[in-house]
């Protein structure tokens, strides 16, 4: 692969990653009026250099969360609707446990936690 093609692939992957993040930001925890990305529930995001596959590691605010069976599917569906994404793998993880400290400043402001 030439340097130009390599740089183009990186740029495409970066653009796709930004689009994946935007899609994830459309998913909200039904009990908290902040999107799950700003809540700090996304622990890992890896977009294939071609941009057609995304691996996502996420958690929930609590293991007993009533949407534990649904939220990963919501994330998968949101990302799968991006043009060019052919496959999405969402893995629910519990380590490290989620804490409010993982929330973005924006989320803390929205929830009056500052």
PDB file of N, CA and C in Angstrom:
ATOM      1  N   UNK A   1       0.851  -1.165   0.000  1.00  0.00           N
ATOM      2  CA  UNK A   1       0.000   0.000   0.000  1.00  0.00           C
ATOM      3  C   UNK A   1       0.901   1.233   0.000  1.00  0.00           C
ATOM      4  N   UNK A   2       0.602   2.169  -0.864  1.00  0.00           N
ATOM      5  CA  UNK A   2       1.404   3.385  -0.922  1.00  0.00           C
ATOM      6  C   UNK A   2       1.053   4.283   0.252  1.00  0.00           C
ATOM      7  N   UNK A   3       1.931   5.273   0.490  1.00  0.00           N
ATOM      8  CA  UNK A   3       1.681   6.202   1.594  1.00  0.00           C
ATOM      9  C   UNK A   3       0.372   6.951   1.397  1.00  0.00           C
ATOM     10  N   UNK A   4       0.065   7.312   0.159  1.00  0.00           N
ATOM     11  CA  UNK A   4      -1.172   8.038  -0.131  1.00  0.00           C
ATOM     12  C   UNK A   4      -2.379   7.178   0.196  1.00  0.00           C
ATOM     13  N   UNK A   5      -2.342   5.897  -0.215  1.00  0.00           N
ATOM     14  CA  UNK A   5      -3.449   4.997   0.064  1.00  0.00           C
ATOM     15  C   UNK A   5      -3.577   4.736   1.567  1.00  0.00           C
ATOM     16  N   UNK A   6      -2.457   4.602   2.252  1.00  0.00           N
ATOM     17  CA  UNK A   6      -2.472   4.368   3.698  1.00  0.00           C
ATOM     18  C   UNK A   6      -3.072   5.577   4.418  1.00  0.00           C
ATOM     19  N   UNK A   7      -2.666   6.774   4.024  1.00  0.00           N
ATOM     20  CA  UNK A   7      -3.202   7.983   4.639  1.00  0.00           C
ATOM     21  C   UNK A   7      -4.694   8.109   4.363  1.00  0.00           C
ATOM     22  N   UNK A   8      -5.113   7.750   3.160  1.00  0.00           N
ATOM     23  CA  UNK A   8      -6.530   7.803   2.808  1.00  0.00           C
ATOM     24  C   UNK A   8      -7.336   6.813   3.644  1.00  0.00           C
ATOM     25  N   UNK A   9      -6.794   5.609   3.842  1.00  0.00           N
ATOM     26  CA  UNK A   9      -7.491   4.594   4.648  1.00  0.00           C
ATOM     27  C   UNK A   9      -7.622   5.061   6.091  1.00  0.00           C
ATOM     28  N   UNK A  10      -6.575   5.692   6.633  1.00  0.00           N
ATOM     29  CA  UNK A  10      -6.631   6.203   8.001  1.00  0.00           C
ATOM     30  C   UNK A  10      -7.662   7.314   8.099  1.00  0.00           C
ATOM     31  N   UNK A  11      -7.671   8.201   7.120  1.00  0.00           N
ATOM     32  CA  UNK A  11      -8.632   9.295   7.107  1.00  0.00           C
ATOM     33  C   UNK A  11     -10.055   8.761   7.032  1.00  0.00           C
ATOM     34  N   UNK A  12     -10.285   7.764   6.170  1.00  0.00           N
ATOM     35  CA  UNK A  12     -11.610   7.156   6.047  1.00  0.00           C
ATOM     36  C   UNK A  12     -12.030   6.495   7.357  1.00  0.00           C
ATOM     37  N   UNK A  13     -11.102   5.802   8.009  1.00  0.00           N
ATOM     38  CA  UNK A  13     -11.407   5.134   9.278  1.00  0.00           C
ATOM     39  C   UNK A  13     -11.710   6.174  10.360  1.00  0.00           C
ATOM     40  N   UNK A  14     -10.959   7.272  10.377  1.00  0.00           N
ATOM     41  CA  UNK A  14     -11.212   8.344  11.348  1.00  0.00           C
ATOM     42  C   UNK A  14     -12.590   8.956  11.119  1.00  0.00           C
ATOM     43  N   UNK A  15     -12.930   9.175   9.861  1.00  0.00           N
ATOM     44  CA  UNK A  15     -14.241   9.730   9.525  1.00  0.00           C
ATOM     45  C   UNK A  15     -15.343   8.759   9.940  1.00  0.00           C
ATOM     46  N   UNK A  16     -15.134   7.476   9.664  1.00  0.00           N
ATOM     47  CA  UNK A  16     -16.141   6.482  10.032  1.00  0.00           C
ATOM     48  C   UNK A  16     -16.267   6.402  11.548  1.00  0.00           C
ATOM     49  N   UNK A  17     -15.149   6.472  12.272  1.00  0.00           N
ATOM     50  CA  UNK A  17     -15.208   6.441  13.734  1.00  0.00           C
ATOM     51  C   UNK A  17     -16.038   7.616  14.255  1.00  0.00           C
ATOM     52  N   UNK A  18     -15.857   8.788  13.680  1.00  0.00           N
ATOM     53  CA  UNK A  18     -16.642   9.954  14.093  1.00  0.00           C
ATOM     54  C   UNK A  18     -18.124   9.724  13.819  1.00  0.00           C
ATOM     55  N   UNK A  19     -18.440   9.098  12.695  1.00  0.00           N
ATOM     56  CA  UNK A  19     -19.834   8.800  12.365  1.00  0.00           C
ATOM     57  C   UNK A  19     -20.412   7.754  13.322  1.00  0.00           C
ATOM     58  N   UNK A  20     -19.587   6.782  13.722  1.00  0.00           N
ATOM     59  CA  UNK A  20     -20.034   5.767  14.687  1.00  0.00           C
ATOM     60  C   UNK A  20     -20.325   6.438  16.035  1.00  0.00           C
ATOM     61  N   UNK A  21     -19.448   7.320  16.467  1.00  0.00           N
ATOM     62  CA  UNK A  21     -19.666   8.032  17.729  1.00  0.00           C
ATOM     63  C   UNK A  21     -20.958   8.845  17.656  1.00  0.00           C
ATOM     64  N   UNK A  22     -21.170   9.524  16.543  1.00  0.00           N
ATOM     65  CA  UNK A  22     -22.412  10.290  16.379  1.00  0.00           C
ATOM     66  C   UNK A  22     -23.635   9.381  16.480  1.00  0.00           C
ATOM     67  N   UNK A  23     -23.553   8.183  15.904  1.00  0.00           N
ATOM     68  CA  UNK A  23     -24.671   7.236  15.971  1.00  0.00           C
ATOM     69  C   UNK A  23     -24.885   6.757  17.402  1.00  0.00           C
ATOM     70  N   UNK A  24     -23.797   6.471  18.101  1.00  0.00           N
ATOM     71  CA  UNK A  24     -23.903   6.025  19.495  1.00  0.00           C
ATOM     72  C   UNK A  24     -24.552   7.118  20.345  1.00  0.00           C
ATOM     73  N   UNK A  25     -24.271   8.361  20.028  1.00  0.00           N
ATOM     74  CA  UNK A  25     -24.831   9.476  20.795  1.00  0.00           C
ATOM     75  C   UNK A  25     -26.345   9.613  20.626  1.00  0.00           C
ATOM     76  N   UNK A  26     -26.938   8.854  19.717  1.00  0.00           N
ATOM     77  CA  UNK A  26     -28.403   8.882  19.572  1.00  0.00           C
ATOM     78  C   UNK A  26     -29.083   7.908  20.529  1.00  0.00           C
ATOM     79  N   UNK A  27     -28.282   7.109  21.243  1.00  0.00           N
ATOM     80  CA  UNK A  27     -28.825   6.110  22.170  1.00  0.00           C
ATOM     81  C   UNK A  27     -28.775   6.678  23.587  1.00  0.00           C
ATOM     82  N   UNK A  28     -29.910   6.617  24.261  1.00  0.00           N
ATOM     83  CA  UNK A  28     -30.033   7.154  25.620  1.00  0.00           C
ATOM     84  C   UNK A  28     -30.428   6.065  26.594  1.00  0.00           C
ATOM     85  N   UNK A  29     -29.880   6.150  27.788  1.00  0.00           N
ATOM     86  CA  UNK A  29     -30.354   5.325  28.891  1.00  0.00           C
ATOM     87  C   UNK A  29     -31.742   5.862  29.213  1.00  0.00           C
ATOM     88  N   UNK A  30     -32.788   5.016  29.243  1.00  0.00           N
ATOM     89  CA  UNK A  30     -34.143   5.519  29.461  1.00  0.00           C
ATOM     90  C   UNK A  30     -34.353   6.176  30.821  1.00  0.00           C
ATOM     91  N   UNK A  31     -33.466   5.922  31.776  1.00  0.00           N
ATOM     92  CA  UNK A  31     -33.625   6.503  33.105  1.00  0.00           C
ATOM     93  C   UNK A  31     -32.811   7.775  33.309  1.00  0.00           C
ATOM     94  N   UNK A  32     -31.909   8.075  32.369  1.00  0.00           N
ATOM     95  CA  UNK A  32     -31.024   9.239  32.506  1.00  0.00           C
ATOM     96  C   UNK A  32     -31.078  10.024  31.188  1.00  0.00           C
ATOM     97  N   UNK A  33     -31.416  11.296  31.230  1.00  0.00           N
ATOM     98  CA  UNK A  33     -31.584  12.068  29.985  1.00  0.00           C
ATOM     99  C   UNK A  33     -30.272  12.535  29.343  1.00  0.00           C
ATOM    100  N   UNK A  34     -29.316  11.614  29.236  1.00  0.00           N
ATOM    101  CA  UNK A  34     -28.020  11.909  28.619  1.00  0.00           C
ATOM    102  C   UNK A  34     -27.671  10.716  27.747  1.00  0.00           C
ATOM    103  N   UNK A  35     -27.054  10.964  26.589  1.00  0.00           N
ATOM    104  CA  UNK A  35     -26.711   9.838  25.715  1.00  0.00           C
ATOM    105  C   UNK A  35     -25.618   8.969  26.348  1.00  0.00           C
ATOM    106  N   UNK A  36     -25.572   7.718  25.936  1.00  0.00           N
ATOM    107  CA  UNK A  36     -24.677   6.751  26.580  1.00  0.00           C
ATOM    108  C   UNK A  36     -23.199   7.038  26.338  1.00  0.00           C
ATOM    109  N   UNK A  37     -22.875   7.744  25.267  1.00  0.00           N
ATOM    110  CA  UNK A  37     -21.481   8.098  25.024  1.00  0.00           C
ATOM    111  C   UNK A  37     -21.014   9.111  26.068  1.00  0.00           C
ATOM    112  N   UNK A  38     -21.817  10.144  26.290  1.00  0.00           N
ATOM    113  CA  UNK A  38     -21.475  11.158  27.284  1.00  0.00           C
ATOM    114  C   UNK A  38     -21.542  10.596  28.710  1.00  0.00           C
ATOM    115  N   UNK A  39     -22.366   9.573  28.916  1.00  0.00           N
ATOM    116  CA  UNK A  39     -22.432   8.929  30.236  1.00  0.00           C
ATOM    117  C   UNK A  39     -21.170   8.125  30.545  1.00  0.00           C
ATOM    118  N   UNK A  40     -20.366   7.869  29.529  1.00  0.00           N
ATOM    119  CA  UNK A  40     -19.144   7.095  29.739  1.00  0.00           C
ATOM    120  C   UNK A  40     -19.380   5.597  29.692  1.00  0.00           C
ATOM    121  N   UNK A  41     -20.441   5.177  29.025  1.00  0.00           N
ATOM    122  CA  UNK A  41     -20.753   3.745  28.955  1.00  0.00           C
ATOM    123  C   UNK A  41     -20.010   3.033  27.830  1.00  0.00           C
ATOM    124  N   UNK A  42     -19.376   3.782  26.935  1.00  0.00           N
ATOM    125  CA  UNK A  42     -18.607   3.164  25.855  1.00  0.00           C
ATOM    126  C   UNK A  42     -17.159   3.042  26.314  1.00  0.00           C
ATOM    127  N   UNK A  43     -16.718   1.810  26.489  1.00  0.00           N
ATOM    128  CA  UNK A  43     -15.368   1.547  26.990  1.00  0.00           C
ATOM    129  C   UNK A  43     -14.350   1.333  25.878  1.00  0.00           C
ATOM    130  N   UNK A  44     -14.823   0.971  24.696  1.00  0.00           N
ATOM    131  CA  UNK A  44     -13.892   0.744  23.603  1.00  0.00           C
ATOM    132  C   UNK A  44     -14.599   0.828  22.269  1.00  0.00           C
ATOM    133  N   UNK A  45     -13.903   1.389  21.280  1.00  0.00           N
ATOM    134  CA  UNK A  45     -14.439   1.505  19.931  1.00  0.00           C
ATOM    135  C   UNK A  45     -13.300   1.266  18.964  1.00  0.00           C
ATOM    136  N   UNK A  46     -13.489   0.311  18.084  1.00  0.00           N
ATOM    137  CA  UNK A  46     -12.481   0.009  17.089  1.00  0.00           C
ATOM    138  C   UNK A  46     -13.188  -0.118  15.745  1.00  0.00           C
ATOM    139  N   UNK A  47     -12.836   0.775  14.832  1.00  0.00           N
ATOM    140  CA  UNK A  47     -13.414   0.743  13.488  1.00  0.00           C
ATOM    141  C   UNK A  47     -12.374   0.169  12.548  1.00  0.00           C
ATOM    142  N   UNK A  48     -12.767  -0.825  11.778  1.00  0.00           N
ATOM    143  CA  UNK A  48     -11.896  -1.445  10.791  1.00  0.00           C
ATOM    144  C   UNK A  48     -11.339  -0.363   9.863  1.00  0.00           C
ATOM    145  N   UNK A  49     -10.064  -0.476   9.453  1.00  0.00           N
ATOM    146  CA  UNK A  49      -9.476   0.543   8.575  1.00  0.00           C
ATOM    147  C   UNK A  49     -10.287   0.798   7.301  1.00  0.00           C
ATOM    148  N   UNK A  50     -11.024  -0.191   6.839  1.00  0.00           N
ATOM    149  CA  UNK A  50     -11.873   0.017   5.664  1.00  0.00           C
ATOM    150  C   UNK A  50     -13.181   0.702   6.039  1.00  0.00           C
ATOM    151  N   UNK A  51     -13.478   0.747   7.333  1.00  0.00           N
ATOM    152  CA  UNK A  51     -14.664   1.435   7.796  1.00  0.00           C
ATOM    153  C   UNK A  51     -15.943   0.642   7.709  1.00  0.00           C
ATOM    154  N   UNK A  52     -15.860  -0.646   7.364  1.00  0.00           N
ATOM    155  CA  UNK A  52     -17.097  -1.402   7.191  1.00  0.00           C
ATOM    156  C   UNK A  52     -17.476  -2.264   8.404  1.00  0.00           C
ATOM    157  N   UNK A  53     -16.645  -2.261   9.438  1.00  0.00           N
ATOM    158  CA  UNK A  53     -16.935  -3.046  10.640  1.00  0.00           C
ATOM    159  C   UNK A  53     -16.545  -2.240  11.877  1.00  0.00           C
ATOM    160  N   UNK A  54     -17.373  -2.359  12.917  1.00  0.00           N
ATOM    161  CA  UNK A  54     -17.074  -1.685  14.187  1.00  0.00           C
ATOM    162  C   UNK A  54     -17.206  -2.666  15.333  1.00  0.00           C
ATOM    163  N   UNK A  55     -16.223  -2.671  16.213  1.00  0.00           N
ATOM    164  CA  UNK A  55     -16.266  -3.422  17.469  1.00  0.00           C
ATOM    165  C   UNK A  55     -16.442  -2.403  18.585  1.00  0.00           C
ATOM    166  N   UNK A  56     -17.442  -2.642  19.423  1.00  0.00           N
ATOM    167  CA  UNK A  56     -17.754  -1.704  20.498  1.00  0.00           C
ATOM    168  C   UNK A  56     -17.828  -2.469  21.812  1.00  0.00           C
ATOM    169  N   UNK A  57     -17.130  -1.966  22.821  1.00  0.00           N
ATOM    170  CA  UNK A  57     -17.245  -2.496  24.176  1.00  0.00           C
ATOM    171  C   UNK A  57     -17.988  -1.462  24.993  1.00  0.00           C
ATOM    172  N   UNK A  58     -19.026  -1.912  25.668  1.00  0.00           N
ATOM    173  CA  UNK A  58     -19.816  -0.982  26.466  1.00  0.00           C
ATOM    174  C   UNK A  58     -20.221  -1.621  27.774  1.00  0.00           C
ATOM    175  N   UNK A  59     -20.640  -0.785  28.685  1.00  0.00           N
ATOM    176  CA  UNK A  59     -21.141  -1.255  29.963  1.00  0.00           C
ATOM    177  C   UNK A  59     -22.477  -0.577  30.220  1.00  0.00           C
ATOM    178  N   UNK A  60     -23.025  -0.818  31.382  1.00  0.00           N
ATOM    179  CA  UNK A  60     -24.270  -0.189  31.808  1.00  0.00           C
ATOM    180  C   UNK A  60     -24.024   0.467  33.156  1.00  0.00           C
ATOM    181  N   UNK A  61     -24.933   1.321  33.573  1.00  0.00           N
ATOM    182  CA  UNK A  61     -24.733   2.009  34.841  1.00  0.00           C
ATOM    183  C   UNK A  61     -24.774   1.048  36.020  1.00  0.00           C
ATOM    184  N   UNK A  62     -25.457  -0.097  35.859  1.00  0.00           N
ATOM    185  CA  UNK A  62     -25.529  -1.104  36.925  1.00  0.00           C
ATOM    186  C   UNK A  62     -25.813  -2.464  36.298  1.00  0.00           C
ATOM    187  N   UNK A  63     -25.261  -3.539  36.866  1.00  0.00           N
ATOM    188  CA  UNK A  63     -25.506  -4.877  36.306  1.00  0.00           C
ATOM    189  C   UNK A  63     -26.987  -5.243  36.253  1.00  0.00           C
ATOM    190  N   UNK A  64     -27.772  -4.731  37.177  1.00  0.00           N
ATOM    191  CA  UNK A  64     -29.195  -5.049  37.197  1.00  0.00           C
ATOM    192  C   UNK A  64     -30.036  -4.092  36.382  1.00  0.00           C
ATOM    193  N   UNK A  65     -29.407  -3.325  35.506  1.00  0.00           N
ATOM    194  CA  UNK A  65     -30.115  -2.344  34.680  1.00  0.00           C
ATOM    195  C   UNK A  65     -31.241  -3.029  33.908  1.00  0.00           C
ATOM    196  N   UNK A  66     -32.463  -2.477  33.963  1.00  0.00           N
ATOM    197  CA  UNK A  66     -33.594  -3.127  33.298  1.00  0.00           C
ATOM    198  C   UNK A  66     -33.463  -3.243  31.780  1.00  0.00           C
ATOM    199  N   UNK A  67     -32.569  -2.454  31.156  1.00  0.00           N
ATOM    200  CA  UNK A  67     -32.397  -2.533  29.706  1.00  0.00           C
ATOM    201  C   UNK A  67     -31.121  -3.278  29.314  1.00  0.00           C
ATOM    202  N   UNK A  68     -30.582  -4.066  30.234  1.00  0.00           N
ATOM    203  CA  UNK A  68     -29.326  -4.790  29.969  1.00  0.00           C
ATOM    204  C   UNK A  68     -29.415  -5.654  28.720  1.00  0.00           C
ATOM    205  N   UNK A  69     -30.557  -6.251  28.483  1.00  0.00           N
ATOM    206  CA  UNK A  69     -30.711  -7.097  27.302  1.00  0.00           C
ATOM    207  C   UNK A  69     -30.988  -6.317  26.037  1.00  0.00           C
ATOM    208  N   UNK A  70     -31.413  -5.072  26.168  1.00  0.00           N
ATOM    209  CA  UNK A  70     -31.828  -4.271  25.012  1.00  0.00           C
ATOM    210  C   UNK A  70     -30.808  -3.242  24.544  1.00  0.00           C
ATOM    211  N   UNK A  71     -30.136  -2.585  25.477  1.00  0.00           N
ATOM    212  CA  UNK A  71     -29.280  -1.463  25.103  1.00  0.00           C
ATOM    213  C   UNK A  71     -28.158  -1.840  24.125  1.00  0.00           C
ATOM    214  N   UNK A  72     -27.460  -2.957  24.306  1.00  0.00           N
ATOM    215  CA  UNK A  72     -26.448  -3.308  23.301  1.00  0.00           C
ATOM    216  C   UNK A  72     -27.056  -3.441  21.902  1.00  0.00           C
ATOM    217  N   UNK A  73     -28.257  -3.950  21.829  1.00  0.00           N
ATOM    218  CA  UNK A  73     -28.938  -4.072  20.531  1.00  0.00           C
ATOM    219  C   UNK A  73     -29.274  -2.691  19.966  1.00  0.00           C
ATOM    220  N   UNK A  74     -29.661  -1.755  20.850  1.00  0.00           N
ATOM    221  CA  UNK A  74     -29.941  -0.387  20.389  1.00  0.00           C
ATOM    222  C   UNK A  74     -28.695   0.232  19.783  1.00  0.00           C
ATOM    223  N   UNK A  75     -27.554   0.004  20.435  1.00  0.00           N
ATOM    224  CA  UNK A  75     -26.284   0.541  19.929  1.00  0.00           C
ATOM    225  C   UNK A  75     -25.955  -0.099  18.588  1.00  0.00           C
ATOM    226  N   UNK A  76     -26.084  -1.412  18.522  1.00  0.00           N
ATOM    227  CA  UNK A  76     -25.799  -2.120  17.268  1.00  0.00           C
ATOM    228  C   UNK A  76     -26.673  -1.593  16.139  1.00  0.00           C
ATOM    229  N   UNK A  77     -27.957  -1.437  16.395  1.00  0.00           N
ATOM    230  CA  UNK A  77     -28.873  -0.946  15.363  1.00  0.00           C
ATOM    231  C   UNK A  77     -28.521   0.477  14.929  1.00  0.00           C
ATOM    232  N   UNK A  78     -28.187   1.337  15.879  1.00  0.00           N
ATOM    233  CA  UNK A  78     -27.841   2.723  15.546  1.00  0.00           C
ATOM    234  C   UNK A  78     -26.617   2.772  14.645  1.00  0.00           C
ATOM    235  N   UNK A  79     -25.605   1.982  14.962  1.00  0.00           N
ATOM    236  CA  UNK A  79     -24.367   1.983  14.176  1.00  0.00           C
ATOM    237  C   UNK A  79     -24.566   1.286  12.843  1.00  0.00           C
ATOM    238  N   UNK A  80     -25.364   0.246  12.841  1.00  0.00           N
ATOM    239  CA  UNK A  80     -25.579  -0.523  11.605  1.00  0.00           C
ATOM    240  C   UNK A  80     -26.290   0.308  10.541  1.00  0.00           C
ATOM    241  N   UNK A  81     -26.974   1.375  10.933  1.00  0.00           N
ATOM    242  CA  UNK A  81     -27.687   2.223   9.973  1.00  0.00           C
ATOM    243  C   UNK A  81     -26.770   3.208   9.246  1.00  0.00           C
ATOM    244  N   UNK A  82     -25.505   3.254   9.626  1.00  0.00           N
ATOM    245  CA  UNK A  82     -24.555   4.150   8.955  1.00  0.00           C
ATOM    246  C   UNK A  82     -24.208   3.546   7.595  1.00  0.00           C
ATOM    247  N   UNK A  83     -24.298   4.371   6.571  1.00  0.00           N
ATOM    248  CA  UNK A  83     -23.938   3.909   5.228  1.00  0.00           C
ATOM    249  C   UNK A  83     -22.497   3.421   5.223  1.00  0.00           C
ATOM    250  N   UNK A  84     -22.273   2.248   4.684  1.00  0.00           N
ATOM    251  CA  UNK A  84     -20.933   1.681   4.599  1.00  0.00           C
ATOM    252  C   UNK A  84     -20.602   0.698   5.701  1.00  0.00           C
ATOM    253  N   UNK A  85     -21.341   0.738   6.802  1.00  0.00           N
ATOM    254  CA  UNK A  85     -21.092  -0.222   7.883  1.00  0.00           C
ATOM    255  C   UNK A  85     -21.819  -1.520   7.545  1.00  0.00           C
ATOM    256  N   UNK A  86     -21.044  -2.580   7.448  1.00  0.00           N
ATOM    257  CA  UNK A  86     -21.636  -3.869   7.095  1.00  0.00           C
ATOM    258  C   UNK A  86     -21.843  -4.768   8.298  1.00  0.00           C
ATOM    259  N   UNK A  87     -21.029  -4.572   9.336  1.00  0.00           N
ATOM    260  CA  UNK A  87     -21.194  -5.401  10.529  1.00  0.00           C
ATOM    261  C   UNK A  87     -20.770  -4.625  11.771  1.00  0.00           C
ATOM    262  N   UNK A  88     -21.431  -4.986  12.877  1.00  0.00           N
ATOM    263  CA  UNK A  88     -21.181  -4.337  14.158  1.00  0.00           C
ATOM    264  C   UNK A  88     -21.171  -5.429  15.220  1.00  0.00           C
ATOM    265  N   UNK A  89     -20.196  -5.378  16.093  1.00  0.00           N
ATOM    266  CA  UNK A  89     -20.145  -6.288  17.223  1.00  0.00           C
ATOM    267  C   UNK A  89     -20.139  -5.456  18.496  1.00  0.00           C
ATOM    268  N   UNK A  90     -21.176  -5.629  19.323  1.00  0.00           N
ATOM    269  CA  UNK A  90     -21.257  -4.913  20.589  1.00  0.00           C
ATOM    270  C   UNK A  90     -21.077  -5.921  21.707  1.00  0.00           C
ATOM    271  N   UNK A  91     -20.068  -5.688  22.531  1.00  0.00           N
ATOM    272  CA  UNK A  91     -19.785  -6.569  23.666  1.00  0.00           C
ATOM    273  C   UNK A  91     -20.089  -5.827  24.960  1.00  0.00           C
ATOM    274  N   UNK A  92     -20.903  -6.445  25.790  1.00  0.00           N
ATOM    275  CA  UNK A  92     -21.233  -5.876  27.090  1.00  0.00           C
ATOM    276  C   UNK A  92     -20.193  -6.357  28.095  1.00  0.00           C
ATOM    277  N   UNK A  93     -19.523  -5.402  28.754  1.00  0.00           N
ATOM    278  CA  UNK A  93     -18.478  -5.728  29.728  1.00  0.00           C
ATOM    279  C   UNK A  93     -18.819  -5.084  31.062  1.00  0.00           C
ATOM    280  N   UNK A  94     -18.254  -5.634  32.121  1.00  0.00           N
ATOM    281  CA  UNK A  94     -18.559  -5.130  33.468  1.00  0.00           C
ATOM    282  C   UNK A  94     -17.329  -4.645  34.212  1.00  0.00           C
ATOM    283  N   UNK A  95     -16.164  -4.767  33.612  1.00  0.00           N
ATOM    284  CA  UNK A  95     -14.922  -4.326  34.239  1.00  0.00           C
ATOM    285  C   UNK A  95     -14.270  -3.270  33.380  1.00  0.00           C
ATOM    286  N   UNK A  96     -13.885  -2.174  33.910  1.00  0.00           N
ATOM    287  CA  UNK A  96     -14.113  -1.763  35.291  1.00  0.00           C
ATOM    288  C   UNK A  96     -15.572  -1.362  35.476  1.00  0.00           C
ATOM    289  N   UNK A  97     -16.058  -1.450  36.704  1.00  0.00           N
ATOM    290  CA  UNK A  97     -17.442  -1.037  36.956  1.00  0.00           C
ATOM    291  C   UNK A  97     -17.631   0.441  36.608  1.00  0.00           C
ATOM    292  N   UNK A  98     -18.795   0.769  36.077  1.00  0.00           N
ATOM    293  CA  UNK A  98     -19.094   2.151  35.744  1.00  0.00           C
ATOM    294  C   UNK A  98     -19.276   2.968  37.019  1.00  0.00           C
ATOM    295  N   UNK A  99     -18.777   4.198  36.986  1.00  0.00           N
ATOM    296  CA  UNK A  99     -19.004   5.154  38.069  1.00  0.00           C
ATOM    297  C   UNK A  99     -19.329   6.502  37.436  1.00  0.00           C
ATOM    298  N   UNK A 100     -19.988   7.390  38.159  1.00  0.00           N
ATOM    299  CA  UNK A 100     -20.293   8.714  37.611  1.00  0.00           C
ATOM    300  C   UNK A 100     -19.050   9.501  37.186  1.00  0.00           C
ATOM    301  N   UNK A 101     -17.879   9.156  37.700  1.00  0.00           N
ATOM    302  CA  UNK A 101     -16.656   9.849  37.314  1.00  0.00           C
ATOM    303  C   UNK A 101     -16.324   9.630  35.835  1.00  0.00           C
ATOM    304  N   UNK A 102     -16.906   8.611  35.218  1.00  0.00           N
ATOM    305  CA  UNK A 102     -16.653   8.330  33.803  1.00  0.00           C
ATOM    306  C   UNK A 102     -17.461   9.229  32.871  1.00  0.00           C
ATOM    307  N   UNK A 103     -18.400   9.973  33.422  1.00  0.00           N
ATOM    308  CA  UNK A 103     -19.237  10.851  32.618  1.00  0.00           C
ATOM    309  C   UNK A 103     -18.430  12.043  32.112  1.00  0.00           C
ATOM    310  N   UNK A 104     -18.800  12.511  30.940  1.00  0.00           N
ATOM    311  CA  UNK A 104     -18.153  13.712  30.396  1.00  0.00           C
ATOM    312  C   UNK A 104     -18.602  14.931  31.188  1.00  0.00           C
ATOM    313  N   UNK A 105     -17.868  16.013  31.027  1.00  0.00           N
ATOM    314  CA  UNK A 105     -18.244  17.272  31.678  1.00  0.00           C
ATOM    315  C   UNK A 105     -19.630  17.713  31.209  1.00  0.00           C
ATOM    316  N   UNK A 106     -19.897  17.501  29.917  1.00  0.00           N
ATOM    317  CA  UNK A 106     -21.201  17.865  29.354  1.00  0.00           C
ATOM    318  C   UNK A 106     -22.318  17.126  30.078  1.00  0.00           C
ATOM    319  N   UNK A 107     -22.137  15.808  30.302  1.00  0.00           N
ATOM    320  CA  UNK A 107     -23.157  15.009  30.995  1.00  0.00           C
ATOM    321  C   UNK A 107     -23.331  15.491  32.432  1.00  0.00           C
ATOM    322  N   UNK A 108     -22.223  15.757  33.098  1.00  0.00           N
ATOM    323  CA  UNK A 108     -22.303  16.238  34.479  1.00  0.00           C
ATOM    324  C   UNK A 108     -23.025  17.583  34.555  1.00  0.00           C
ATOM    325  N   UNK A 109     -22.784  18.446  33.579  1.00  0.00           N
ATOM    326  CA  UNK A 109     -23.485  19.723  33.551  1.00  0.00           C
ATOM    327  C   UNK A 109     -24.981  19.524  33.315  1.00  0.00           C
ATOM    328  N   UNK A 110     -25.322  18.653  32.369  1.00  0.00           N
ATOM    329  CA  UNK A 110     -26.730  18.399  32.073  1.00  0.00           C
ATOM    330  C   UNK A 110     -27.470  17.823  33.269  1.00  0.00           C
ATOM    331  N   UNK A 111     -26.774  17.055  34.095  1.00  0.00           N
ATOM    332  CA  UNK A 111     -27.399  16.422  35.250  1.00  0.00           C
ATOM    333  C   UNK A 111     -27.173  17.228  36.543  1.00  0.00           C
ATOM    334  N   UNK A 112     -26.665  18.458  36.398  1.00  0.00           N
ATOM    335  CA  UNK A 112     -26.409  19.327  37.550  1.00  0.00           C
ATOM    336  C   UNK A 112     -25.528  18.662  38.602  1.00  0.00           C
ATOM    337  N   UNK A 113     -24.456  18.019  38.150  1.00  0.00           N
ATOM    338  CA  UNK A 113     -23.546  17.329  39.055  1.00  0.00           C
ATOM    339  C   UNK A 113     -22.259  18.117  39.288  1.00  0.00           C
ATOM    340  N   UNK A 114     -22.197  19.336  38.797  1.00  0.00           N
ATOM    341  CA  UNK A 114     -21.002  20.166  38.999  1.00  0.00           C
ATOM    342  C   UNK A 114     -21.332  21.345  39.880  1.00  0.00           C
TER     343      UNK A 114
END
